[in-house]
Amino acid sequence: MTAALAGVVGLAIGAVVGFLVRANMAKTSATAIEAQARQKLLEADQKSVDAAQEAALIVRSATDDAKAEAAQIRKEAEEDVKARREEIARLERRITDAEEELRERKQKLDARAAELEERDAIFHEARLKLEESAERQRAQLERIAGMTSSEAREELMAHEVDDAKRSAMAQVREIEQHAREEGEERARKILTIAIQRVASEQTAESTVSVFTLPSEDMKGRIIGREGRNIRAFEAATGVNIIIDDTPEAVVLSSFDPVRREAARMTLEKLVQDGRIHPARIEEVHERSQAEMEERIRRAGEDAVAEVGITDIHPEMVKLLGRLQYRTSYGQNVLRHLVESAHIASALAAELGVDPTIAKRGAFLHDIGKAVTHEVEGSHAIIGAEIARRMKEDPEVVHCIESHHGEVEQRTIHAVLAQIADSISGGRPGARRESLETYVKRLERLEEICNAFEGVEKVYAMQAGREVRVLVQPEAVDDIQSQVIARDIAKQVEEELQYPGQIRITVVRETRATEYAR
């Protein structure tokens, strides 16, 4: 037990000794570390002192520069302030002078305003007096003249309008005279050449055809037993037969000229053969229709050959041939087309224009009349549609559709086609009209002329193609005569329909008469 205790004590003492040894070693290590740290601290303090000294030197240098710069800035600022003070003083002096000048101007303006107010009061008073005086004068003038101010104003306006018309007409007369001097000779030459190169015969046809019979007995055979022959004839041909008291003649009536001509040929063959009965009528009419188709084709081909056009659609040739039996105001339409084509070609040649399109357009311009009894609408538009369907040139189609003004003319060829149409239809002897229409046109022409103030007498001359208007010389002067002529022409153009043109001539005659005693 004592040995164990001694062992334990020995162990404890060994542990204490080991601990003390380790503690001594740690203390020695700590002392060394502390010495190293102190050395490093001393070195760091030395560096800090050096850095502080260096920083102090830099700060001292920067302070000196800043002081010098501050002194410079202060000096510049003082100079700038001094300059600004001088500028402000100068501006103050200018403002003072301007205020003094404005004060003087205000005084002058106040004086001027007072003067203007005084004048305005004077003018206002004078205006009131003038208005009162004008009102008294107006009332006095209305009492003397017997009309109100509105009536006088209207009369004055009418007078001014009349003066303007007179002035304008004087200028128009001068311009027209100048244009007439330059263009009349050439226009006359061109038209004369174009017309003289055309000389075609005219036929007078209407809606009825008179057929002469070899004897009066033939009327009974045409009528047949209980009228069966005449009924069969009318049913087969579509044409009415008028049998009246006219000796040895019957009348065929139809609005379709081709059908009427076929019926005439049928009746002619029946009369020559002598055998007239329903079956025979139908047989002869079929042969007449075939012959009529051949005549139509041949007439179209002859017209095309006469004009000198070869490349044309066969259907167009047939339509042209149908126009052989169509008239317009008594003028054969096919002959009119041929004549128009020649005139258009001559006009184009005189003007230096290619005559091909103008000739073709004038030749086909009335093609629509061949079917106007079958299709509704204007023959110009219908003809243009036919030509377009048959692959005609667009310029030719335009000539057809624009020759009556339904479509605005855009080419010189369309204008030439229209001129050729007018020349062919308007030249003397080309067309005729019914007596009733002719009389009505002349009566309306005289009414239009007599409606103008100052007109004394009116005379229609040359079948209504010229009108002589005699005016009162004391009521109408020379310029007013020109105005009346132009106004009459304009109203006639708007109200009447007529072929060609109507010449309006206003005659003002002044006579001076004295007696020697």
Protein backbone atom coordinates (compact mmCIF):
# COMPACT_ATOMS: atom_id res chain seq x y z
CA MET A 1 0.00 0.00 0.00
CA THR A 2 2.85 2.29 0.86
CA ALA A 3 4.50 1.38 -2.36
CA ALA A 4 1.37 2.11 -4.31
CA LEU A 5 1.00 5.44 -2.62
CA ALA A 6 4.58 6.20 -3.39
CA GLY A 7 4.00 5.26 -7.00
CA VAL A 8 1.03 7.55 -7.18
CA VAL A 9 2.93 10.37 -5.60
CA GLY A 10 5.76 9.77 -7.97
CA LEU A 11 3.39 9.95 -10.90
CA ALA A 12 1.85 13.08 -9.58
CA ILE A 13 5.22 14.69 -9.07
CA GLY A 14 6.22 13.64 -12.60
CA ALA A 15 3.09 15.17 -13.99
CA VAL A 16 3.68 18.38 -12.05
CA VAL A 17 7.23 18.56 -13.21
CA GLY A 18 6.17 17.93 -16.82
CA PHE A 19 3.58 20.62 -16.52
CA LEU A 20 6.05 23.08 -15.09
CA VAL A 21 8.52 22.26 -17.85
CA ARG A 22 5.86 22.80 -20.50
CA ALA A 23 4.75 25.99 -18.79
CA ASN A 24 8.29 27.28 -18.75
CA MET A 25 8.66 26.43 -22.43
CA ALA A 26 5.40 28.22 -23.25
CA LYS A 27 6.49 31.27 -21.28
CA THR A 28 9.80 31.31 -23.10
CA SER A 29 7.96 31.02 -26.44
CA ALA A 30 5.58 33.79 -25.41
CA THR A 31 8.44 36.02 -24.44
CA ALA A 32 10.08 35.46 -27.81
CA ILE A 33 6.85 36.17 -29.60
CA GLU A 34 6.32 39.30 -27.51
CA ALA A 35 9.81 40.48 -28.38
CA GLN A 36 9.13 39.89 -32.10
CA ALA A 37 5.85 41.73 -31.84
CA ARG A 38 7.44 44.64 -30.07
CA GLN A 39 10.13 44.78 -32.75
CA LYS A 40 7.49 44.78 -35.51
CA LEU A 41 5.51 47.44 -33.64
CA LEU A 42 8.59 49.59 -33.40
CA GLU A 43 9.19 49.14 -37.13
CA ALA A 44 5.56 49.98 -37.87
CA ASP A 45 5.72 53.07 -35.68
CA GLN A 46 8.81 54.22 -37.54
CA LYS A 47 7.04 53.73 -40.89
CA SER A 48 3.98 55.61 -39.62
CA VAL A 49 6.16 58.48 -38.49
CA ASP A 50 7.83 58.57 -41.91
CA ALA A 51 4.44 58.43 -43.70
CA ALA A 52 3.07 61.14 -41.44
CA GLN A 53 6.06 63.34 -42.14
CA GLU A 54 5.70 62.71 -45.87
CA ALA A 55 1.96 63.42 -45.71
CA ALA A 56 2.63 66.60 -43.76
CA LEU A 57 5.06 67.70 -46.46
CA ILE A 58 2.47 66.94 -49.18
CA VAL A 59 -0.26 68.74 -47.27
CA ARG A 60 1.99 71.72 -46.72
CA SER A 61 2.82 71.84 -50.45
CA ALA A 62 -0.86 71.44 -51.45
CA THR A 63 -1.85 74.14 -49.02
CA ASP A 64 0.61 76.55 -50.52
CA ASP A 65 -0.70 75.78 -54.08
CA ALA A 66 -4.30 76.08 -52.93
CA LYS A 67 -3.55 79.42 -51.32
CA ALA A 68 -1.91 80.67 -54.49
CA GLU A 69 -4.82 79.40 -56.64
CA ALA A 70 -7.35 80.84 -54.22
CA ALA A 71 -5.58 84.17 -54.38
CA GLN A 72 -5.69 84.04 -58.21
CA ILE A 73 -9.39 83.10 -58.23
CA ARG A 74 -10.15 85.85 -55.75
CA LYS A 75 -8.34 88.34 -57.88
CA GLU A 76 -10.24 87.20 -61.05
CA ALA A 77 -13.52 87.25 -59.15
CA GLU A 78 -12.87 90.77 -57.94
CA GLU A 79 -12.07 91.87 -61.49
CA ASP A 80 -15.24 90.15 -62.82
CA VAL A 81 -17.35 91.74 -60.10
CA LYS A 82 -15.87 95.11 -60.93
CA ALA A 83 -16.64 94.61 -64.67
CA ARG A 84 -20.19 93.46 -63.92
CA ARG A 85 -20.75 96.44 -61.66
CA GLU A 86 -19.63 98.72 -64.46
CA GLU A 87 -21.96 96.88 -66.95
CA ILE A 88 -24.85 97.14 -64.48
CA ALA A 89 -24.20 100.81 -64.06
CA ARG A 90 -24.16 101.28 -67.83
CA LEU A 91 -27.44 99.30 -68.18
CA GLU A 92 -29.02 101.32 -65.43
CA ARG A 93 -28.11 104.50 -67.27
CA ARG A 94 -29.61 103.09 -70.52
CA ILE A 95 -32.76 101.98 -68.69
CA THR A 96 -33.08 105.40 -67.18
CA ASP A 97 -32.73 107.01 -70.62
CA ALA A 98 -35.27 104.54 -72.11
CA GLU A 99 -37.75 105.22 -69.33
CA GLU A 100 -37.39 108.91 -69.96
CA GLU A 101 -37.94 108.37 -73.71
CA LEU A 102 -40.98 106.13 -73.05
CA ARG A 103 -42.37 108.76 -70.70
CA GLU A 104 -42.06 111.37 -73.45
CA ARG A 105 -43.63 109.01 -76.04
CA LYS A 106 -46.49 108.20 -73.67
CA GLN A 107 -47.17 111.85 -73.27
CA LYS A 108 -47.22 112.28 -77.05
CA LEU A 109 -49.46 109.21 -77.51
CA ASP A 110 -51.85 110.44 -74.89
CA ALA A 111 -52.04 113.73 -76.72
CA ARG A 112 -52.56 111.91 -80.05
CA ALA A 113 -55.25 109.67 -78.54
CA ALA A 114 -57.07 112.68 -77.22
CA GLU A 115 -56.87 114.29 -80.64
CA LEU A 116 -58.14 111.09 -82.34
CA GLU A 117 -61.01 110.80 -79.89
CA GLU A 118 -61.94 114.36 -80.67
CA ARG A 119 -61.76 113.65 -84.45
CA ASP A 120 -63.71 110.41 -84.03
CA ALA A 121 -66.44 112.30 -82.28
CA ILE A 122 -66.44 114.83 -85.12
CA PHE A 123 -66.49 112.07 -87.77
CA HIS A 124 -69.26 110.21 -85.97
CA GLU A 125 -71.33 113.35 -85.87
CA ALA A 126 -70.60 114.02 -89.56
CA ARG A 127 -71.48 110.40 -90.47
CA LEU A 128 -74.79 110.67 -88.69
CA LYS A 129 -75.51 113.86 -90.58
CA LEU A 130 -74.50 112.19 -93.89
CA GLU A 131 -76.68 109.16 -93.18
CA GLU A 132 -79.60 111.41 -92.40
CA SER A 133 -78.91 113.37 -95.56
CA ALA A 134 -78.52 110.16 -97.63
CA GLU A 135 -81.76 108.80 -96.20
CA ARG A 136 -83.54 112.02 -97.10
CA GLN A 137 -82.00 111.93 -100.61
CA ARG A 138 -82.93 108.22 -101.03
CA ALA A 139 -86.48 108.91 -100.00
CA GLN A 140 -86.59 111.91 -102.33
CA LEU A 141 -85.10 109.84 -105.22
CA GLU A 142 -87.56 107.00 -104.60
CA ARG A 143 -90.39 109.52 -104.60
CA ILE A 144 -89.12 111.15 -107.82
CA ALA A 145 -88.16 107.91 -109.61
CA GLY A 146 -91.17 105.95 -108.45
CA MET A 147 -89.08 102.89 -107.46
CA THR A 148 -87.58 101.51 -104.29
CA SER A 149 -83.87 101.22 -103.57
CA SER A 150 -83.96 97.45 -104.24
CA GLU A 151 -85.58 98.06 -107.61
CA ALA A 152 -82.99 100.72 -108.38
CA ARG A 153 -80.24 98.31 -107.31
CA GLU A 154 -81.63 95.61 -109.63
CA GLU A 155 -81.80 98.09 -112.50
CA LEU A 156 -78.23 99.17 -111.79
CA MET A 157 -77.09 95.54 -111.71
CA ALA A 158 -78.89 94.86 -114.98
CA HIS A 159 -77.21 97.92 -116.45
CA GLU A 160 -73.80 96.74 -115.21
CA VAL A 161 -74.42 93.24 -116.60
CA ASP A 162 -75.42 94.75 -119.93
CA ASP A 163 -72.27 96.90 -119.95
CA ALA A 164 -70.17 93.83 -119.11
CA LYS A 165 -71.82 91.90 -121.94
CA ARG A 166 -71.17 94.74 -124.33
CA SER A 167 -67.53 94.98 -123.28
CA ALA A 168 -67.10 91.20 -123.49
CA MET A 169 -68.81 91.09 -126.86
CA ALA A 170 -66.49 93.79 -128.18
CA GLN A 171 -63.52 91.67 -127.16
CA VAL A 172 -65.17 88.55 -128.56
CA ARG A 173 -65.77 90.29 -131.88
CA GLU A 174 -62.14 91.32 -132.03
CA ILE A 175 -60.93 87.80 -131.21
CA GLU A 176 -63.38 86.20 -133.63
CA GLN A 177 -62.36 88.58 -136.38
CA HIS A 178 -58.71 87.74 -135.84
CA ALA A 179 -59.41 83.99 -135.77
CA ARG A 180 -61.71 84.25 -138.77
CA GLU A 181 -59.07 86.05 -140.82
CA GLU A 182 -56.52 83.35 -140.07
CA GLY A 183 -58.68 80.22 -140.17
CA GLU A 184 -61.51 80.92 -142.60
CA GLU A 185 -59.48 80.58 -145.75
CA ARG A 186 -57.84 77.30 -144.76
CA ALA A 187 -61.06 75.83 -143.38
CA ARG A 188 -62.90 76.73 -146.57
CA LYS A 189 -60.18 75.14 -148.65
CA ILE A 190 -60.16 71.90 -146.64
CA LEU A 191 -63.94 71.52 -146.57
CA THR A 192 -64.33 72.44 -150.23
CA ILE A 193 -61.77 69.87 -151.29
CA ALA A 194 -63.38 67.19 -149.12
CA ILE A 195 -66.90 67.89 -150.39
CA GLN A 196 -65.94 68.24 -154.04
CA ARG A 197 -64.31 64.81 -153.98
CA VAL A 198 -67.64 63.22 -153.05
CA ALA A 199 -70.57 63.02 -155.43
CA SER A 200 -73.05 60.29 -154.52
CA GLU A 201 -76.68 59.93 -155.42
CA GLN A 202 -79.40 60.15 -152.77
CA THR A 203 -82.55 58.04 -152.53
CA ALA A 204 -85.80 59.09 -150.95
CA GLU A 205 -87.40 56.22 -149.06
CA SER A 206 -89.90 56.06 -146.20
CA THR A 207 -91.83 53.49 -144.22
CA VAL A 208 -94.19 52.62 -147.10
CA SER A 209 -93.68 51.25 -150.59
CA VAL A 210 -96.20 51.67 -153.41
CA PHE A 211 -96.52 48.63 -155.70
CA THR A 212 -98.07 49.14 -159.11
CA LEU A 213 -100.46 46.44 -160.34
CA PRO A 214 -100.96 45.49 -163.98
CA SER A 215 -104.73 45.77 -163.63
CA GLU A 216 -107.41 46.59 -161.11
CA ASP A 217 -108.58 42.95 -161.08
CA MET A 218 -105.34 41.93 -159.45
CA LYS A 219 -106.51 43.53 -156.17
CA GLY A 220 -109.24 40.93 -155.83
CA ARG A 221 -106.80 38.07 -156.43
CA ILE A 222 -104.43 39.52 -153.83
CA ILE A 223 -107.25 39.70 -151.30
CA GLY A 224 -108.45 36.18 -152.12
CA ARG A 225 -111.61 34.40 -151.06
CA GLU A 226 -112.77 35.93 -147.77
CA GLY A 227 -109.38 37.64 -147.49
CA ARG A 228 -107.36 34.46 -147.00
CA ASN A 229 -104.61 35.49 -149.45
CA ILE A 230 -103.97 38.89 -147.86
CA ARG A 231 -104.00 37.34 -144.37
CA ALA A 232 -101.51 34.67 -145.46
CA PHE A 233 -99.31 37.32 -147.11
CA GLU A 234 -99.25 39.53 -144.01
CA ALA A 235 -98.60 36.53 -141.75
CA ALA A 236 -95.73 35.25 -143.90
CA THR A 237 -94.02 38.60 -144.57
CA GLY A 238 -94.88 40.61 -141.45
CA VAL A 239 -95.86 43.53 -143.67
CA ASN A 240 -99.26 45.18 -143.88
CA ILE A 241 -100.97 45.54 -147.29
CA ILE A 242 -103.12 48.64 -147.67
CA ILE A 243 -105.62 48.36 -150.49
CA ASP A 244 -107.56 51.58 -151.03
CA ASP A 245 -109.17 53.47 -153.89
CA THR A 246 -105.85 54.22 -155.57
CA PRO A 247 -106.19 52.75 -159.05
CA GLU A 248 -103.87 49.85 -159.96
CA ALA A 249 -101.71 50.23 -156.83
CA VAL A 250 -101.36 48.81 -153.32
CA VAL A 251 -99.26 50.06 -150.42
CA LEU A 252 -96.87 47.93 -148.37
CA SER A 253 -96.34 49.32 -144.87
CA SER A 254 -93.64 48.32 -142.36
CA PHE A 255 -91.04 50.04 -140.20
CA ASP A 256 -88.48 47.37 -141.11
CA PRO A 257 -87.15 48.34 -144.58
CA VAL A 258 -85.58 44.92 -145.20
CA ARG A 259 -88.81 43.12 -144.45
CA ARG A 260 -90.75 45.59 -146.57
CA GLU A 261 -88.41 45.08 -149.53
CA ALA A 262 -88.68 41.28 -149.20
CA ALA A 263 -92.47 41.61 -149.20
CA ARG A 264 -92.33 43.82 -152.31
CA MET A 265 -90.21 41.22 -154.12
CA THR A 266 -92.64 38.48 -153.05
CA LEU A 267 -95.65 40.41 -154.32
CA GLU A 268 -93.89 41.20 -157.57
CA LYS A 269 -93.18 37.51 -158.22
CA LEU A 270 -96.73 36.50 -157.31
CA VAL A 271 -98.23 39.09 -159.66
CA GLN A 272 -95.93 38.05 -162.50
CA ASP A 273 -96.71 34.35 -161.96
CA GLY A 274 -100.43 34.93 -161.51
CA ARG A 275 -100.84 32.03 -159.05
CA ILE A 276 -101.74 33.54 -155.68
CA HIS A 277 -102.74 31.27 -152.79
CA PRO A 278 -101.38 30.74 -149.23
CA ALA A 279 -99.01 27.88 -150.06
CA ARG A 280 -97.64 29.72 -153.07
CA ILE A 281 -97.21 32.90 -151.01
CA GLU A 282 -95.07 31.07 -148.41
CA GLU A 283 -92.97 29.40 -151.10
CA VAL A 284 -92.30 32.62 -153.02
CA HIS A 285 -91.54 34.52 -149.79
CA GLU A 286 -88.85 31.99 -148.80
CA ARG A 287 -87.17 32.44 -152.18
CA SER A 288 -87.45 36.21 -151.85
CA GLN A 289 -85.85 36.12 -148.43
CA ALA A 290 -82.91 34.12 -149.76
CA GLU A 291 -82.55 36.54 -152.65
CA MET A 292 -82.79 39.44 -150.20
CA GLU A 293 -79.96 38.03 -148.09
CA GLU A 294 -77.83 37.79 -151.23
CA ARG A 295 -78.66 41.38 -152.17
CA ILE A 296 -77.73 42.55 -148.67
CA ARG A 297 -74.42 40.74 -148.76
CA ARG A 298 -73.65 42.08 -152.22
CA ALA A 299 -74.57 45.67 -151.23
CA GLY A 300 -72.26 45.44 -148.21
CA GLU A 301 -69.41 44.05 -150.29
CA ASP A 302 -69.87 46.76 -152.93
CA ALA A 303 -69.78 49.48 -150.27
CA VAL A 304 -66.65 48.01 -148.65
CA ALA A 305 -64.95 47.77 -152.03
CA GLU A 306 -65.94 51.34 -152.92
CA VAL A 307 -64.43 52.67 -149.70
CA GLY A 308 -61.30 50.56 -150.14
CA ILE A 309 -61.49 48.53 -146.92
CA THR A 310 -60.82 44.79 -147.23
CA ASP A 311 -60.09 43.35 -143.77
CA ILE A 312 -63.60 43.48 -142.30
CA HIS A 313 -65.69 40.85 -140.51
CA PRO A 314 -68.29 39.05 -142.71
CA GLU A 315 -71.05 39.76 -140.22
CA MET A 316 -70.16 43.43 -140.38
CA VAL A 317 -70.54 43.28 -144.16
CA LYS A 318 -74.08 41.89 -143.74
CA LEU A 319 -74.99 44.66 -141.31
CA LEU A 320 -73.67 47.25 -143.76
CA GLY A 321 -75.77 45.70 -146.52
CA ARG A 322 -78.91 46.02 -144.37
CA LEU A 323 -78.31 49.78 -144.23
CA GLN A 324 -78.92 49.88 -147.98
CA TYR A 325 -82.63 49.74 -147.06
CA ARG A 326 -82.45 52.20 -144.14
CA THR A 327 -82.87 55.96 -144.49
CA SER A 328 -82.30 58.90 -142.15
CA TYR A 329 -84.21 62.08 -142.98
CA GLY A 330 -84.57 60.69 -146.49
CA GLN A 331 -80.83 60.02 -146.87
CA ASN A 332 -79.79 56.44 -147.59
CA VAL A 333 -77.67 55.37 -144.61
CA LEU A 334 -75.28 53.14 -146.56
CA ARG A 335 -74.56 55.88 -149.09
CA HIS A 336 -74.17 58.25 -146.17
CA LEU A 337 -71.51 55.95 -144.66
CA VAL A 338 -69.62 55.69 -147.93
CA GLU A 339 -69.75 59.44 -148.40
CA SER A 340 -68.63 60.06 -144.80
CA ALA A 341 -65.68 57.70 -145.24
CA HIS A 342 -64.50 59.58 -148.33
CA ILE A 343 -64.91 62.96 -146.59
CA ALA A 344 -63.04 61.79 -143.48
CA SER A 345 -60.22 60.42 -145.62
CA ALA A 346 -59.98 63.69 -147.54
CA LEU A 347 -59.98 65.76 -144.35
CA ALA A 348 -57.28 63.57 -142.78
CA ALA A 349 -55.14 63.84 -145.89
CA GLU A 350 -55.48 67.64 -145.93
CA LEU A 351 -54.52 67.85 -142.25
CA GLY A 352 -51.58 65.46 -142.59
CA VAL A 353 -53.16 62.74 -140.42
CA ASP A 354 -53.18 59.00 -141.16
CA PRO A 355 -56.54 58.55 -142.96
CA THR A 356 -56.95 54.82 -142.23
CA ILE A 357 -58.55 55.08 -138.77
CA ALA A 358 -60.61 58.18 -139.64
CA LYS A 359 -61.97 56.55 -142.81
CA ARG A 360 -62.84 53.28 -141.04
CA GLY A 361 -64.44 55.09 -138.09
CA ALA A 362 -66.56 57.28 -140.38
CA PHE A 363 -67.53 54.27 -142.51
CA LEU A 364 -68.78 52.29 -139.50
CA HIS A 365 -70.13 55.13 -137.32
CA ASP A 366 -73.82 54.36 -138.08
CA ILE A 367 -73.54 50.57 -138.07
CA GLY A 368 -75.78 50.45 -135.01
CA LYS A 369 -78.75 51.64 -137.11
CA ALA A 370 -78.88 48.20 -138.72
CA VAL A 371 -80.21 46.70 -135.47
CA THR A 372 -81.83 49.65 -133.65
CA HIS A 373 -85.28 48.20 -134.33
CA GLU A 374 -84.16 45.01 -132.55
CA VAL A 375 -82.00 46.41 -129.71
CA GLU A 376 -82.91 49.32 -127.45
CA GLY A 377 -80.48 52.16 -126.96
CA SER A 378 -78.51 54.78 -128.86
CA HIS A 379 -77.28 53.60 -132.25
CA ALA A 380 -73.80 55.02 -131.46
CA ILE A 381 -73.42 52.89 -128.31
CA ILE A 382 -75.00 49.85 -130.01
CA GLY A 383 -72.66 50.24 -132.99
CA ALA A 384 -69.63 50.54 -130.69
CA GLU A 385 -70.61 47.30 -128.93
CA ILE A 386 -70.99 45.53 -132.29
CA ALA A 387 -67.60 46.79 -133.47
CA ARG A 388 -65.96 45.81 -130.18
CA ARG A 389 -67.48 42.32 -130.42
CA MET A 390 -66.12 41.95 -133.94
CA LYS A 391 -62.56 42.85 -132.83
CA GLU A 392 -62.37 46.29 -134.42
CA ASP A 393 -59.52 48.60 -133.45
CA PRO A 394 -60.23 50.49 -130.16
CA GLU A 395 -59.77 53.83 -131.94
CA VAL A 396 -62.41 52.84 -134.51
CA VAL A 397 -64.75 51.82 -131.67
CA HIS A 398 -64.14 55.22 -130.05
CA CYS A 399 -65.01 56.99 -133.32
CA ILE A 400 -68.33 55.11 -133.42
CA GLU A 401 -69.34 55.67 -129.78
CA SER A 402 -68.39 59.37 -129.69
CA HIS A 403 -69.82 60.68 -132.96
CA HIS A 404 -73.03 61.88 -131.25
CA GLY A 405 -71.48 63.05 -127.98
CA GLU A 406 -72.53 60.14 -125.72
CA VAL A 407 -68.81 59.65 -125.07
CA GLU A 408 -66.26 62.46 -124.91
CA GLN A 409 -63.96 62.53 -127.94
CA ARG A 410 -60.31 61.82 -127.16
CA THR A 411 -58.65 61.45 -130.58
CA ILE A 412 -58.33 63.48 -133.76
CA HIS A 413 -59.80 60.55 -135.72
CA ALA A 414 -63.02 60.70 -133.68
CA VAL A 415 -63.30 64.43 -134.39
CA LEU A 416 -62.76 63.88 -138.11
CA ALA A 417 -65.41 61.12 -138.16
CA GLN A 418 -67.92 63.44 -136.50
CA ILE A 419 -67.09 66.28 -138.89
CA ALA A 420 -67.48 63.96 -141.88
CA ASP A 421 -70.86 62.80 -140.54
CA SER A 422 -72.01 66.41 -140.15
CA ILE A 423 -70.82 67.41 -143.61
CA SER A 424 -72.48 64.45 -145.28
CA GLY A 425 -75.77 64.96 -143.45
CA GLY A 426 -75.77 68.75 -143.45
CA ARG A 427 -74.91 69.62 -147.01
CA PRO A 428 -77.79 70.96 -149.12
CA GLY A 429 -79.99 68.25 -150.61
CA ALA A 430 -78.65 65.46 -148.44
CA ARG A 431 -81.58 65.11 -146.07
CA ARG A 432 -85.22 66.00 -145.84
CA GLU A 433 -87.72 66.07 -143.02
CA SER A 434 -91.46 65.79 -142.69
CA LEU A 435 -93.60 68.86 -143.42
CA GLU A 436 -95.04 68.88 -139.90
CA THR A 437 -91.62 68.77 -138.24
CA TYR A 438 -90.34 71.41 -140.63
CA VAL A 439 -93.20 73.82 -139.89
CA LYS A 440 -92.91 73.33 -136.13
CA ARG A 441 -89.18 73.98 -136.25
CA LEU A 442 -89.66 77.21 -138.22
CA GLU A 443 -92.41 78.40 -135.84
CA ARG A 444 -90.26 77.73 -132.78
CA LEU A 445 -87.29 79.42 -134.47
CA GLU A 446 -89.36 82.58 -135.01
CA GLU A 447 -90.67 82.45 -131.43
CA ILE A 448 -87.15 82.31 -130.02
CA CYS A 449 -86.04 85.31 -132.09
CA ASN A 450 -89.15 87.41 -131.32
CA ALA A 451 -88.71 86.84 -127.56
CA PHE A 452 -85.65 89.13 -127.44
CA GLU A 453 -86.15 92.79 -126.61
CA GLY A 454 -85.70 95.20 -129.50
CA VAL A 455 -86.52 92.65 -132.24
CA GLU A 456 -88.88 94.09 -134.83
CA LYS A 457 -89.24 91.37 -137.51
CA VAL A 458 -87.95 87.84 -138.10
CA TYR A 459 -87.56 86.09 -141.48
CA ALA A 460 -86.63 82.39 -141.85
CA MET A 461 -84.79 81.77 -145.13
CA GLN A 462 -83.30 78.84 -147.08
CA ALA A 463 -85.64 76.26 -145.56
CA GLY A 464 -84.82 77.36 -142.04
CA ARG A 465 -81.05 77.24 -142.46
CA GLU A 466 -80.75 81.03 -142.12
CA VAL A 467 -82.69 83.53 -140.01
CA ARG A 468 -82.72 87.29 -140.58
CA VAL A 469 -83.60 89.27 -137.44
CA LEU A 470 -84.42 92.96 -137.91
CA VAL A 471 -83.98 95.04 -134.75
CA GLN A 472 -85.09 98.55 -133.83
CA PRO A 473 -82.08 100.86 -134.37
CA GLU A 474 -83.08 103.27 -131.60
CA ALA A 475 -83.37 100.45 -129.02
CA VAL A 476 -80.39 98.27 -130.03
CA ASP A 477 -76.87 99.42 -130.91
CA ASP A 478 -74.23 97.54 -132.91
CA ILE A 479 -72.65 95.71 -129.97
CA GLN A 480 -76.06 94.76 -128.57
CA SER A 481 -76.90 93.33 -132.01
CA GLN A 482 -73.94 90.99 -131.72
CA VAL A 483 -75.07 89.99 -128.22
CA ILE A 484 -78.58 89.21 -129.49
CA ALA A 485 -77.20 87.10 -132.36
CA ARG A 486 -75.04 85.05 -129.97
CA ASP A 487 -77.88 84.58 -127.44
CA ILE A 488 -80.28 83.46 -130.18
CA ALA A 489 -77.75 80.98 -131.55
CA LYS A 490 -77.15 79.54 -128.08
CA GLN A 491 -80.88 79.13 -127.37
CA VAL A 492 -81.48 77.53 -130.77
CA GLU A 493 -78.68 75.02 -130.11
CA GLU A 494 -80.22 74.10 -126.75
CA GLU A 495 -83.87 73.78 -127.84
CA LEU A 496 -84.04 72.68 -131.48
CA GLN A 497 -82.88 69.59 -133.35
CA TYR A 498 -81.84 70.11 -136.95
CA PRO A 499 -79.35 68.79 -139.48
CA GLY A 500 -76.36 70.94 -140.35
CA GLN A 501 -76.27 74.48 -138.99
CA ILE A 502 -78.50 77.57 -138.81
CA ARG A 503 -77.09 80.99 -139.57
CA ILE A 504 -78.37 83.86 -137.38
CA THR A 505 -78.07 87.32 -138.94
CA VAL A 506 -79.12 90.40 -136.95
CA VAL A 507 -79.75 93.46 -139.14
CA ARG A 508 -79.71 96.96 -137.65
CA GLU A 509 -80.56 99.67 -140.14
CA THR A 510 -80.52 103.39 -139.44
CA ARG A 511 -82.32 105.71 -141.86
CA ALA A 512 -82.19 109.48 -141.81
CA THR A 513 -85.00 111.24 -143.72
CA GLU A 514 -85.42 114.96 -144.32
CA TYR A 515 -87.72 116.93 -146.60
CA ALA A 516 -86.64 119.84 -148.80
CA ARG A 517 -89.38 122.45 -149.03
